[in-house]
Full PDB file with SEQRES, HELIX, SHEET, SSBOND, CRYST1, ORIGX, SCALE, CONECT and MASTER records, all heavy atoms in Angstrom:
SEQRES   1 A   41  THR LYS LEU ILE GLU ILE VAL GLU ILE GLY LYS GLN LEU          
SEQRES   2 A   41  LEU MET THR ARG GLY ALA LEU THR THR PHE SER ILE ALA          
SEQRES   3 A   41  ASN ASP ILE ALA LYS TYR PHE ALA ILE ILE PRO ALA MET          
SEQRES   4 A   41  PHE LEU                                                      
HELIX    1 AA1 LYS A    2  PHE A   40  1                                  39    
CRYST1    1.000    1.000    1.000  90.00  90.00  90.00 P 1           1          
ORIGX1      1.000000  0.000000  0.000000        0.00000                         
ORIGX2      0.000000  1.000000  0.000000        0.00000                         
ORIGX3      0.000000  0.000000  1.000000        0.00000                         
SCALE1      1.000000  0.000000  0.000000        0.00000                         
SCALE2      0.000000  1.000000  0.000000        0.00000                         
SCALE3      0.000000  0.000000  1.000000        0.00000                         
ATOM      1  N   THR A   1     -19.348 -25.575  -0.714  1.00  0.00           N  
ATOM      2  CA  THR A   1     -19.575 -24.266  -1.153  1.00  0.00           C  
ATOM      3  C   THR A   1     -18.489 -23.196  -0.683  1.00  0.00           C  
ATOM      4  O   THR A   1     -18.488 -22.127  -1.049  1.00  0.00           O  
ATOM      5  CB  THR A   1     -20.998 -23.709  -0.666  1.00  0.00           C  
ATOM      6  OG1 THR A   1     -20.897 -23.740   0.863  1.00  0.00           O  
ATOM      7  CG2 THR A   1     -22.023 -24.526  -1.208  1.00  0.00           C  
ATOM      8  N   LYS A   2     -17.713 -23.634   0.186  1.00  0.00           N  
ATOM      9  CA  LYS A   2     -16.637 -22.790   0.663  1.00  0.00           C  
ATOM     10  C   LYS A   2     -15.660 -22.349  -0.394  1.00  0.00           C  
ATOM     11  O   LYS A   2     -14.853 -21.402  -0.216  1.00  0.00           O  
ATOM     12  CB  LYS A   2     -15.876 -23.377   1.850  1.00  0.00           C  
ATOM     13  CG  LYS A   2     -16.573 -23.254   3.188  1.00  0.00           C  
ATOM     14  CD  LYS A   2     -15.521 -23.620   4.244  1.00  0.00           C  
ATOM     15  CE  LYS A   2     -16.257 -23.744   5.648  1.00  0.00           C  
ATOM     16  NZ  LYS A   2     -15.366 -24.254   6.664  1.00  0.00           N  
ATOM     17  N   LEU A   3     -15.606 -23.006  -1.462  1.00  0.00           N  
ATOM     18  CA  LEU A   3     -14.726 -22.706  -2.655  1.00  0.00           C  
ATOM     19  C   LEU A   3     -14.978 -21.207  -2.975  1.00  0.00           C  
ATOM     20  O   LEU A   3     -13.911 -20.473  -3.256  1.00  0.00           O  
ATOM     21  CB  LEU A   3     -15.103 -23.492  -3.848  1.00  0.00           C  
ATOM     22  CG  LEU A   3     -14.203 -24.845  -4.090  1.00  0.00           C  
ATOM     23  CD1 LEU A   3     -14.692 -25.594  -5.215  1.00  0.00           C  
ATOM     24  CD2 LEU A   3     -12.788 -24.357  -4.225  1.00  0.00           C  
ATOM     25  N   ILE A   4     -16.099 -20.792  -2.853  1.00  0.00           N  
ATOM     26  CA  ILE A   4     -16.412 -19.381  -3.191  1.00  0.00           C  
ATOM     27  C   ILE A   4     -15.770 -18.470  -2.202  1.00  0.00           C  
ATOM     28  O   ILE A   4     -15.037 -17.473  -2.510  1.00  0.00           O  
ATOM     29  CB  ILE A   4     -17.949 -19.067  -3.208  1.00  0.00           C  
ATOM     30  CG1 ILE A   4     -18.603 -19.950  -4.293  1.00  0.00           C  
ATOM     31  CG2 ILE A   4     -18.249 -17.602  -3.490  1.00  0.00           C  
ATOM     32  CD1 ILE A   4     -20.116 -19.904  -4.454  1.00  0.00           C  
ATOM     33  N   GLU A   5     -15.855 -18.750  -0.865  1.00  0.00           N  
ATOM     34  CA  GLU A   5     -15.248 -18.027   0.154  1.00  0.00           C  
ATOM     35  C   GLU A   5     -13.594 -18.062   0.078  1.00  0.00           C  
ATOM     36  O   GLU A   5     -13.046 -16.977   0.281  1.00  0.00           O  
ATOM     37  CB  GLU A   5     -15.716 -18.389   1.645  1.00  0.00           C  
ATOM     38  CG  GLU A   5     -17.063 -17.908   1.920  1.00  0.00           C  
ATOM     39  CD  GLU A   5     -18.309 -18.619   1.293  1.00  0.00           C  
ATOM     40  OE1 GLU A   5     -17.985 -19.825   0.767  1.00  0.00           O  
ATOM     41  OE2 GLU A   5     -19.371 -18.068   1.307  1.00  0.00           O  
ATOM     42  N   ILE A   6     -13.215 -19.255  -0.210  1.00  0.00           N  
ATOM     43  CA  ILE A   6     -11.662 -19.413  -0.422  1.00  0.00           C  
ATOM     44  C   ILE A   6     -11.223 -18.439  -1.473  1.00  0.00           C  
ATOM     45  O   ILE A   6     -10.148 -17.719  -1.273  1.00  0.00           O  
ATOM     46  CB  ILE A   6     -11.377 -20.891  -0.685  1.00  0.00           C  
ATOM     47  CG1 ILE A   6     -11.631 -21.626   0.521  1.00  0.00           C  
ATOM     48  CG2 ILE A   6     -10.017 -20.922  -1.195  1.00  0.00           C  
ATOM     49  CD1 ILE A   6     -11.592 -23.175   0.478  1.00  0.00           C  
ATOM     50  N   VAL A   7     -11.873 -18.362  -2.596  1.00  0.00           N  
ATOM     51  CA  VAL A   7     -11.542 -17.507  -3.614  1.00  0.00           C  
ATOM     52  C   VAL A   7     -11.439 -16.056  -3.188  1.00  0.00           C  
ATOM     53  O   VAL A   7     -10.591 -15.244  -3.398  1.00  0.00           O  
ATOM     54  CB  VAL A   7     -12.410 -17.643  -4.921  1.00  0.00           C  
ATOM     55  CG1 VAL A   7     -12.154 -16.474  -5.871  1.00  0.00           C  
ATOM     56  CG2 VAL A   7     -12.130 -18.988  -5.555  1.00  0.00           C  
ATOM     57  N   GLU A   8     -12.553 -15.648  -2.389  1.00  0.00           N  
ATOM     58  CA  GLU A   8     -12.717 -14.322  -1.886  1.00  0.00           C  
ATOM     59  C   GLU A   8     -11.431 -13.975  -0.992  1.00  0.00           C  
ATOM     60  O   GLU A   8     -10.871 -12.892  -0.876  1.00  0.00           O  
ATOM     61  CB  GLU A   8     -14.024 -14.125  -1.160  1.00  0.00           C  
ATOM     62  CG  GLU A   8     -15.121 -14.148  -2.332  1.00  0.00           C  
ATOM     63  CD  GLU A   8     -16.482 -13.863  -1.646  1.00  0.00           C  
ATOM     64  OE1 GLU A   8     -16.522 -13.750  -0.290  1.00  0.00           O  
ATOM     65  OE2 GLU A   8     -17.517 -13.600  -2.210  1.00  0.00           O  
ATOM     66  N   ILE A   9     -11.162 -14.917   0.007  1.00  0.00           N  
ATOM     67  CA  ILE A   9     -10.020 -14.762   0.832  1.00  0.00           C  
ATOM     68  C   ILE A   9      -8.751 -14.511   0.108  1.00  0.00           C  
ATOM     69  O   ILE A   9      -7.887 -13.761   0.446  1.00  0.00           O  
ATOM     70  CB  ILE A   9      -9.999 -15.845   1.963  1.00  0.00           C  
ATOM     71  CG1 ILE A   9     -11.192 -15.796   2.816  1.00  0.00           C  
ATOM     72  CG2 ILE A   9      -8.715 -15.875   2.769  1.00  0.00           C  
ATOM     73  CD1 ILE A   9     -11.317 -16.961   3.786  1.00  0.00           C  
ATOM     74  N   GLY A  10      -8.567 -15.391  -0.959  1.00  0.00           N  
ATOM     75  CA  GLY A  10      -7.328 -15.247  -1.735  1.00  0.00           C  
ATOM     76  C   GLY A  10      -7.126 -13.997  -2.364  1.00  0.00           C  
ATOM     77  O   GLY A  10      -6.087 -13.310  -2.397  1.00  0.00           O  
ATOM     78  N   LYS A  11      -8.329 -13.455  -2.980  1.00  0.00           N  
ATOM     79  CA  LYS A  11      -8.336 -12.180  -3.558  1.00  0.00           C  
ATOM     80  C   LYS A  11      -8.038 -11.087  -2.601  1.00  0.00           C  
ATOM     81  O   LYS A  11      -7.444 -10.019  -2.868  1.00  0.00           O  
ATOM     82  CB  LYS A  11      -9.575 -11.982  -4.271  1.00  0.00           C  
ATOM     83  CG  LYS A  11      -9.745 -12.753  -5.686  1.00  0.00           C  
ATOM     84  CD  LYS A  11     -10.902 -12.377  -6.534  1.00  0.00           C  
ATOM     85  CE  LYS A  11     -10.887 -13.096  -7.828  1.00  0.00           C  
ATOM     86  NZ  LYS A  11      -9.764 -12.772  -8.691  1.00  0.00           N  
ATOM     87  N   GLN A  12      -8.720 -11.304  -1.408  1.00  0.00           N  
ATOM     88  CA  GLN A  12      -8.563 -10.306  -0.212  1.00  0.00           C  
ATOM     89  C   GLN A  12      -6.977 -10.260   0.055  1.00  0.00           C  
ATOM     90  O   GLN A  12      -6.489  -9.128   0.337  1.00  0.00           O  
ATOM     91  CB  GLN A  12      -9.347 -10.665   0.808  1.00  0.00           C  
ATOM     92  CG  GLN A  12      -9.355  -9.631   1.974  1.00  0.00           C  
ATOM     93  CD  GLN A  12     -10.234 -10.074   3.149  1.00  0.00           C  
ATOM     94  OE1 GLN A  12     -10.184 -11.133   3.593  1.00  0.00           O  
ATOM     95  NE2 GLN A  12     -11.035  -9.223   3.696  1.00  0.00           N  
ATOM     96  N   LEU A  13      -6.286 -11.323   0.062  1.00  0.00           N  
ATOM     97  CA  LEU A  13      -4.956 -11.334   0.336  1.00  0.00           C  
ATOM     98  C   LEU A  13      -4.173 -10.488  -0.693  1.00  0.00           C  
ATOM     99  O   LEU A  13      -3.317  -9.608  -0.316  1.00  0.00           O  
ATOM    100  CB  LEU A  13      -4.362 -12.689   0.505  1.00  0.00           C  
ATOM    101  CG  LEU A  13      -2.726 -12.830   0.502  1.00  0.00           C  
ATOM    102  CD1 LEU A  13      -2.275 -12.280   1.840  1.00  0.00           C  
ATOM    103  CD2 LEU A  13      -2.373 -14.280   0.332  1.00  0.00           C  
ATOM    104  N   LEU A  14      -4.363 -10.822  -1.876  1.00  0.00           N  
ATOM    105  CA  LEU A  14      -3.671 -10.051  -3.061  1.00  0.00           C  
ATOM    106  C   LEU A  14      -4.057  -8.556  -3.003  1.00  0.00           C  
ATOM    107  O   LEU A  14      -3.212  -7.727  -3.156  1.00  0.00           O  
ATOM    108  CB  LEU A  14      -3.902 -10.682  -4.324  1.00  0.00           C  
ATOM    109  CG  LEU A  14      -3.585 -12.132  -4.547  1.00  0.00           C  
ATOM    110  CD1 LEU A  14      -4.037 -12.650  -6.002  1.00  0.00           C  
ATOM    111  CD2 LEU A  14      -2.073 -12.231  -4.585  1.00  0.00           C  
ATOM    112  N   MET A  15      -5.273  -8.262  -2.729  1.00  0.00           N  
ATOM    113  CA  MET A  15      -5.666  -6.812  -2.732  1.00  0.00           C  
ATOM    114  C   MET A  15      -5.062  -6.116  -1.504  1.00  0.00           C  
ATOM    115  O   MET A  15      -4.686  -4.965  -1.621  1.00  0.00           O  
ATOM    116  CB  MET A  15      -7.289  -6.668  -2.536  1.00  0.00           C  
ATOM    117  CG  MET A  15      -8.061  -6.946  -3.890  1.00  0.00           C  
ATOM    118  SD  MET A  15      -9.866  -7.010  -3.435  1.00  0.00           S  
ATOM    119  CE  MET A  15      -9.871  -5.391  -2.550  1.00  0.00           C  
ATOM    120  N   THR A  16      -5.003  -6.804  -0.306  1.00  0.00           N  
ATOM    121  CA  THR A  16      -4.403  -6.154   0.816  1.00  0.00           C  
ATOM    122  C   THR A  16      -2.917  -5.823   0.540  1.00  0.00           C  
ATOM    123  O   THR A  16      -2.479  -4.792   0.884  1.00  0.00           O  
ATOM    124  CB  THR A  16      -4.450  -7.013   1.982  1.00  0.00           C  
ATOM    125  OG1 THR A  16      -5.877  -7.306   2.342  1.00  0.00           O  
ATOM    126  CG2 THR A  16      -3.950  -6.423   3.255  1.00  0.00           C  
ATOM    127  N   ARG A  17      -2.239  -6.823  -0.012  1.00  0.00           N  
ATOM    128  CA  ARG A  17      -0.867  -6.533  -0.356  1.00  0.00           C  
ATOM    129  C   ARG A  17      -0.637  -5.390  -1.383  1.00  0.00           C  
ATOM    130  O   ARG A  17       0.166  -4.543  -1.132  1.00  0.00           O  
ATOM    131  CB  ARG A  17      -0.149  -7.889  -0.880  1.00  0.00           C  
ATOM    132  CG  ARG A  17       1.374  -7.715  -1.089  1.00  0.00           C  
ATOM    133  CD  ARG A  17       1.803  -9.076  -1.681  1.00  0.00           C  
ATOM    134  NE  ARG A  17       1.645 -10.072  -0.714  1.00  0.00           N  
ATOM    135  CZ  ARG A  17       1.504 -11.375  -1.023  1.00  0.00           C  
ATOM    136  NH1 ARG A  17       1.586 -11.784  -2.327  1.00  0.00           N  
ATOM    137  NH2 ARG A  17       1.435 -12.328  -0.189  1.00  0.00           N  
ATOM    138  N   GLY A  18      -1.497  -5.434  -2.405  1.00  0.00           N  
ATOM    139  CA  GLY A  18      -1.409  -4.398  -3.398  1.00  0.00           C  
ATOM    140  C   GLY A  18      -1.754  -2.945  -2.840  1.00  0.00           C  
ATOM    141  O   GLY A  18      -1.137  -2.000  -3.178  1.00  0.00           O  
ATOM    142  N   ALA A  19      -2.823  -2.977  -2.047  1.00  0.00           N  
ATOM    143  CA  ALA A  19      -3.327  -1.708  -1.579  1.00  0.00           C  
ATOM    144  C   ALA A  19      -2.286  -1.069  -0.590  1.00  0.00           C  
ATOM    145  O   ALA A  19      -2.005   0.188  -0.699  1.00  0.00           O  
ATOM    146  CB  ALA A  19      -4.541  -1.940  -0.669  1.00  0.00           C  
ATOM    147  N   LEU A  20      -1.659  -1.856   0.294  1.00  0.00           N  
ATOM    148  CA  LEU A  20      -0.609  -1.364   1.172  1.00  0.00           C  
ATOM    149  C   LEU A  20       0.574  -0.967   0.491  1.00  0.00           C  
ATOM    150  O   LEU A  20       1.367  -0.210   0.980  1.00  0.00           O  
ATOM    151  CB  LEU A  20      -0.469  -2.347   2.412  1.00  0.00           C  
ATOM    152  CG  LEU A  20      -1.658  -2.499   3.470  1.00  0.00           C  
ATOM    153  CD1 LEU A  20      -1.166  -3.467   4.540  1.00  0.00           C  
ATOM    154  CD2 LEU A  20      -2.040  -1.117   3.879  1.00  0.00           C  
ATOM    155  N   THR A  21       0.920  -1.809  -0.461  1.00  0.00           N  
ATOM    156  CA  THR A  21       2.093  -1.420  -1.354  1.00  0.00           C  
ATOM    157  C   THR A  21       1.983  -0.002  -1.932  1.00  0.00           C  
ATOM    158  O   THR A  21       2.756   0.841  -1.942  1.00  0.00           O  
ATOM    159  CB  THR A  21       2.450  -2.357  -2.333  1.00  0.00           C  
ATOM    160  OG1 THR A  21       2.610  -3.687  -1.743  1.00  0.00           O  
ATOM    161  CG2 THR A  21       3.682  -2.141  -3.315  1.00  0.00           C  
ATOM    162  N   THR A  22       0.726   0.218  -2.532  1.00  0.00           N  
ATOM    163  CA  THR A  22       0.357   1.475  -2.992  1.00  0.00           C  
ATOM    164  C   THR A  22       0.438   2.615  -2.104  1.00  0.00           C  
ATOM    165  O   THR A  22       0.997   3.665  -2.256  1.00  0.00           O  
ATOM    166  CB  THR A  22      -1.056   1.450  -3.761  1.00  0.00           C  
ATOM    167  OG1 THR A  22      -1.194   0.363  -4.709  1.00  0.00           O  
ATOM    168  CG2 THR A  22      -1.422   2.755  -4.344  1.00  0.00           C  
ATOM    169  N   PHE A  23      -0.157   2.381  -0.876  1.00  0.00           N  
ATOM    170  CA  PHE A  23      -0.108   3.410   0.214  1.00  0.00           C  
ATOM    171  C   PHE A  23       1.317   3.602   0.540  1.00  0.00           C  
ATOM    172  O   PHE A  23       1.723   4.761   0.802  1.00  0.00           O  
ATOM    173  CB  PHE A  23      -0.896   2.813   1.402  1.00  0.00           C  
ATOM    174  CG  PHE A  23      -1.068   3.791   2.513  1.00  0.00           C  
ATOM    175  CD1 PHE A  23      -2.150   4.662   2.531  1.00  0.00           C  
ATOM    176  CD2 PHE A  23      -0.178   3.862   3.581  1.00  0.00           C  
ATOM    177  CE1 PHE A  23      -2.197   5.578   3.641  1.00  0.00           C  
ATOM    178  CE2 PHE A  23      -0.166   4.782   4.555  1.00  0.00           C  
ATOM    179  CZ  PHE A  23      -1.207   5.617   4.632  1.00  0.00           C  
ATOM    180  N   SER A  24       2.106   2.547   0.729  1.00  0.00           N  
ATOM    181  CA  SER A  24       3.513   2.789   1.231  1.00  0.00           C  
ATOM    182  C   SER A  24       4.364   3.690   0.213  1.00  0.00           C  
ATOM    183  O   SER A  24       5.018   4.597   0.675  1.00  0.00           O  
ATOM    184  CB  SER A  24       4.194   1.409   1.354  1.00  0.00           C  
ATOM    185  OG  SER A  24       5.458   1.650   1.783  1.00  0.00           O  
ATOM    186  N   ILE A  25       4.250   3.372  -1.018  1.00  0.00           N  
ATOM    187  CA  ILE A  25       4.975   4.109  -1.966  1.00  0.00           C  
ATOM    188  C   ILE A  25       4.462   5.658  -2.075  1.00  0.00           C  
ATOM    189  O   ILE A  25       5.161   6.603  -2.229  1.00  0.00           O  
ATOM    190  CB  ILE A  25       5.002   3.521  -3.430  1.00  0.00           C  
ATOM    191  CG1 ILE A  25       5.701   2.113  -3.227  1.00  0.00           C  
ATOM    192  CG2 ILE A  25       5.636   4.358  -4.465  1.00  0.00           C  
ATOM    193  CD1 ILE A  25       5.688   1.291  -4.518  1.00  0.00           C  
ATOM    194  N   ALA A  26       3.075   5.655  -2.034  1.00  0.00           N  
ATOM    195  CA  ALA A  26       2.542   7.008  -2.166  1.00  0.00           C  
ATOM    196  C   ALA A  26       2.896   7.891  -0.944  1.00  0.00           C  
ATOM    197  O   ALA A  26       3.126   9.203  -0.973  1.00  0.00           O  
ATOM    198  CB  ALA A  26       0.955   6.914  -2.281  1.00  0.00           C  
ATOM    199  N   ASN A  27       2.858   7.339   0.292  1.00  0.00           N  
ATOM    200  CA  ASN A  27       3.089   8.185   1.461  1.00  0.00           C  
ATOM    201  C   ASN A  27       4.572   8.624   1.489  1.00  0.00           C  
ATOM    202  O   ASN A  27       4.890   9.513   2.216  1.00  0.00           O  
ATOM    203  CB  ASN A  27       2.576   7.505   2.760  1.00  0.00           C  
ATOM    204  CG  ASN A  27       3.594   6.464   3.293  1.00  0.00           C  
ATOM    205  OD1 ASN A  27       4.851   6.638   3.236  1.00  0.00           O  
ATOM    206  ND2 ASN A  27       2.898   5.351   3.927  1.00  0.00           N  
ATOM    207  N   ASP A  28       5.431   7.939   0.823  1.00  0.00           N  
ATOM    208  CA  ASP A  28       6.801   8.364   0.716  1.00  0.00           C  
ATOM    209  C   ASP A  28       6.917   9.754   0.024  1.00  0.00           C  
ATOM    210  O   ASP A  28       7.846  10.553   0.277  1.00  0.00           O  
ATOM    211  CB  ASP A  28       7.764   7.314  -0.076  1.00  0.00           C  
ATOM    212  CG  ASP A  28       7.892   6.164   0.747  1.00  0.00           C  
ATOM    213  OD1 ASP A  28       7.830   6.234   1.949  1.00  0.00           O  
ATOM    214  OD2 ASP A  28       8.300   5.030   0.138  1.00  0.00           O  
ATOM    215  N   ILE A  29       6.044   9.942  -0.860  1.00  0.00           N  
ATOM    216  CA  ILE A  29       6.034  11.267  -1.616  1.00  0.00           C  
ATOM    217  C   ILE A  29       5.846  12.390  -0.652  1.00  0.00           C  
ATOM    218  O   ILE A  29       6.560  13.415  -0.765  1.00  0.00           O  
ATOM    219  CB  ILE A  29       4.724  11.289  -2.631  1.00  0.00           C  
ATOM    220  CG1 ILE A  29       5.147  10.197  -3.816  1.00  0.00           C  
ATOM    221  CG2 ILE A  29       4.756  12.663  -3.397  1.00  0.00           C  
ATOM    222  CD1 ILE A  29       3.990  10.058  -4.749  1.00  0.00           C  
ATOM    223  N   ALA A  30       4.994  12.300   0.290  1.00  0.00           N  
ATOM    224  CA  ALA A  30       4.714  13.396   1.200  1.00  0.00           C  
ATOM    225  C   ALA A  30       5.951  13.483   2.123  1.00  0.00           C  
ATOM    226  O   ALA A  30       6.240  14.714   2.486  1.00  0.00           O  
ATOM    227  CB  ALA A  30       3.516  13.129   2.032  1.00  0.00           C  
ATOM    228  N   LYS A  31       6.508  12.433   2.550  1.00  0.00           N  
ATOM    229  CA  LYS A  31       7.605  12.465   3.344  1.00  0.00           C  
ATOM    230  C   LYS A  31       8.825  13.184   2.655  1.00  0.00           C  
ATOM    231  O   LYS A  31       9.673  13.890   3.252  1.00  0.00           O  
ATOM    232  CB  LYS A  31       8.134  11.120   3.848  1.00  0.00           C  
ATOM    233  CG  LYS A  31       7.130  10.543   4.789  1.00  0.00           C  
ATOM    234  CD  LYS A  31       7.558   9.100   5.331  1.00  0.00           C  
ATOM    235  CE  LYS A  31       7.363   7.995   4.331  1.00  0.00           C  
ATOM    236  NZ  LYS A  31       7.658   6.722   4.798  1.00  0.00           N  
ATOM    237  N   TYR A  32       9.017  12.950   1.352  1.00  0.00           N  
ATOM    238  CA  TYR A  32       9.955  13.709   0.587  1.00  0.00           C  
ATOM    239  C   TYR A  32       9.830  15.134   0.603  1.00  0.00           C  
ATOM    240  O   TYR A  32      10.763  15.962   0.866  1.00  0.00           O  
ATOM    241  CB  TYR A  32      10.039  13.336  -0.860  1.00  0.00           C  
ATOM    242  CG  TYR A  32      10.184  11.826  -1.269  1.00  0.00           C  
ATOM    243  CD1 TYR A  32       9.759  11.322  -2.482  1.00  0.00           C  
ATOM    244  CD2 TYR A  32      10.721  11.008  -0.290  1.00  0.00           C  
ATOM    245  CE1 TYR A  32       9.815  10.015  -2.764  1.00  0.00           C  
ATOM    246  CE2 TYR A  32      10.863   9.587  -0.597  1.00  0.00           C  
ATOM    247  CZ  TYR A  32      10.533   9.206  -1.815  1.00  0.00           C  
ATOM    248  OH  TYR A  32      10.511   7.718  -1.994  1.00  0.00           O  
ATOM    249  N   PHE A  33       8.529  15.735   0.533  1.00  0.00           N  
ATOM    250  CA  PHE A  33       8.272  17.098   0.673  1.00  0.00           C  
ATOM    251  C   PHE A  33       8.598  17.655   2.039  1.00  0.00           C  
ATOM    252  O   PHE A  33       8.882  18.807   2.183  1.00  0.00           O  
ATOM    253  CB  PHE A  33       6.807  17.403   0.343  1.00  0.00           C  
ATOM    254  CG  PHE A  33       6.490  17.513  -1.138  1.00  0.00           C  
ATOM    255  CD1 PHE A  33       6.078  16.499  -1.983  1.00  0.00           C  
ATOM    256  CD2 PHE A  33       6.746  18.761  -1.763  1.00  0.00           C  
ATOM    257  CE1 PHE A  33       5.880  16.613  -3.219  1.00  0.00           C  
ATOM    258  CE2 PHE A  33       6.501  18.972  -3.121  1.00  0.00           C  
ATOM    259  CZ  PHE A  33       6.104  17.773  -3.861  1.00  0.00           C  
ATOM    260  N   ALA A  34       8.600  16.803   3.014  1.00  0.00           N  
ATOM    261  CA  ALA A  34       8.916  17.177   4.392  1.00  0.00           C  
ATOM    262  C   ALA A  34      10.292  17.319   4.638  1.00  0.00           C  
ATOM    263  O   ALA A  34      10.854  18.233   5.280  1.00  0.00           O  
ATOM    264  CB  ALA A  34       8.237  16.235   5.387  1.00  0.00           C  
ATOM    265  N   ILE A  35      11.006  16.236   4.312  1.00  0.00           N  
ATOM    266  CA  ILE A  35      12.454  16.193   4.668  1.00  0.00           C  
ATOM    267  C   ILE A  35      13.460  16.690   3.728  1.00  0.00           C  
ATOM    268  O   ILE A  35      14.546  17.356   4.114  1.00  0.00           O  
ATOM    269  CB  ILE A  35      12.859  14.628   5.041  1.00  0.00           C  
ATOM    270  CG1 ILE A  35      13.981  14.601   5.913  1.00  0.00           C  
ATOM    271  CG2 ILE A  35      13.049  13.862   3.780  1.00  0.00           C  
ATOM    272  CD1 ILE A  35      14.238  13.187   6.514  1.00  0.00           C  
ATOM    273  N   ILE A  36      13.378  16.587   2.452  1.00  0.00           N  
ATOM    274  CA  ILE A  36      14.257  17.061   1.473  1.00  0.00           C  
ATOM    275  C   ILE A  36      14.436  18.584   1.571  1.00  0.00           C  
ATOM    276  O   ILE A  36      15.651  19.046   1.589  1.00  0.00           O  
ATOM    277  CB  ILE A  36      13.987  16.542   0.050  1.00  0.00           C  
ATOM    278  CG1 ILE A  36      14.046  15.026  -0.025  1.00  0.00           C  
ATOM    279  CG2 ILE A  36      14.818  17.217  -1.028  1.00  0.00           C  
ATOM    280  CD1 ILE A  36      13.769  14.397  -1.342  1.00  0.00           C  
ATOM    281  N   PRO A  37      13.318  19.423   1.512  1.00  0.00           N  
ATOM    282  CA  PRO A  37      13.475  20.817   1.619  1.00  0.00           C  
ATOM    283  C   PRO A  37      14.250  21.284   2.806  1.00  0.00           C  
ATOM    284  O   PRO A  37      15.170  22.163   2.965  1.00  0.00           O  
ATOM    285  CB  PRO A  37      12.172  21.414   1.594  1.00  0.00           C  
ATOM    286  CG  PRO A  37      11.416  20.322   0.868  1.00  0.00           C  
ATOM    287  CD  PRO A  37      11.901  19.099   1.284  1.00  0.00           C  
ATOM    288  N   ALA A  38      14.023  20.474   4.074  1.00  0.00           N  
ATOM    289  CA  ALA A  38      14.593  20.752   5.291  1.00  0.00           C  
ATOM    290  C   ALA A  38      16.126  20.508   5.242  1.00  0.00           C  
ATOM    291  O   ALA A  38      16.834  21.279   5.808  1.00  0.00           O  
ATOM    292  CB  ALA A  38      13.898  19.911   6.408  1.00  0.00           C  
ATOM    293  N   MET A  39      16.403  19.614   4.532  1.00  0.00           N  
ATOM    294  CA  MET A  39      17.934  19.215   4.452  1.00  0.00           C  
ATOM    295  C   MET A  39      18.725  20.221   3.740  1.00  0.00           C  
ATOM    296  O   MET A  39      19.829  20.512   4.054  1.00  0.00           O  
ATOM    297  CB  MET A  39      18.139  17.857   3.853  1.00  0.00           C  
ATOM    298  CG  MET A  39      17.723  16.624   4.686  1.00  0.00           C  
ATOM    299  SD  MET A  39      18.112  15.022   3.909  1.00  0.00           S  
ATOM    300  CE  MET A  39      19.784  15.203   3.515  1.00  0.00           C  
ATOM    301  N   PHE A  40      18.121  20.591   2.630  1.00  0.00           N  
ATOM    302  CA  PHE A  40      18.951  21.477   1.646  1.00  0.00           C  
ATOM    303  C   PHE A  40      18.590  22.956   1.824  1.00  0.00           C  
ATOM    304  O   PHE A  40      19.127  23.701   0.945  1.00  0.00           O  
ATOM    305  CB  PHE A  40      18.809  20.909   0.206  1.00  0.00           C  
ATOM    306  CG  PHE A  40      19.339  19.624   0.064  1.00  0.00           C  
ATOM    307  CD1 PHE A  40      18.508  18.465   0.046  1.00  0.00           C  
ATOM    308  CD2 PHE A  40      20.684  19.388  -0.234  1.00  0.00           C  
ATOM    309  CE1 PHE A  40      18.993  17.109  -0.203  1.00  0.00           C  
ATOM    310  CE2 PHE A  40      21.221  18.125  -0.349  1.00  0.00           C  
ATOM    311  CZ  PHE A  40      20.352  16.978  -0.365  1.00  0.00           C  
ATOM    312  N   LEU A  41      17.720  23.255   2.589  1.00  0.00           N  
ATOM    313  CA  LEU A  41      17.253  24.716   2.707  1.00  0.00           C  
ATOM    314  C   LEU A  41      18.435  25.640   2.990  1.00  0.00           C  
ATOM    315  O   LEU A  41      18.578  26.813   2.399  1.00  0.00           O  
ATOM    316  CB  LEU A  41      16.254  24.875   3.804  1.00  0.00           C  
ATOM    317  CG  LEU A  41      15.508  26.230   3.843  1.00  0.00           C  
ATOM    318  CD1 LEU A  41      14.667  26.200   2.408  1.00  0.00           C  
ATOM    319  CD2 LEU A  41      14.346  26.168   4.884  1.00  0.00           C  
TER     320      LEU A  41                                                      
MASTER        0    0    0    1    0    0    0    6  319    1    0    4          
END                                                                             
């Protein structure tokens, strides 16, 4: 019956990678607003 849990763990791995990739790219947007105006002001 662990087949079911194995599938869930595999999906959790893919979800974790996708979620953190989304977070990483999204948080760069805020950093752009912080550093780019400061550089060229």
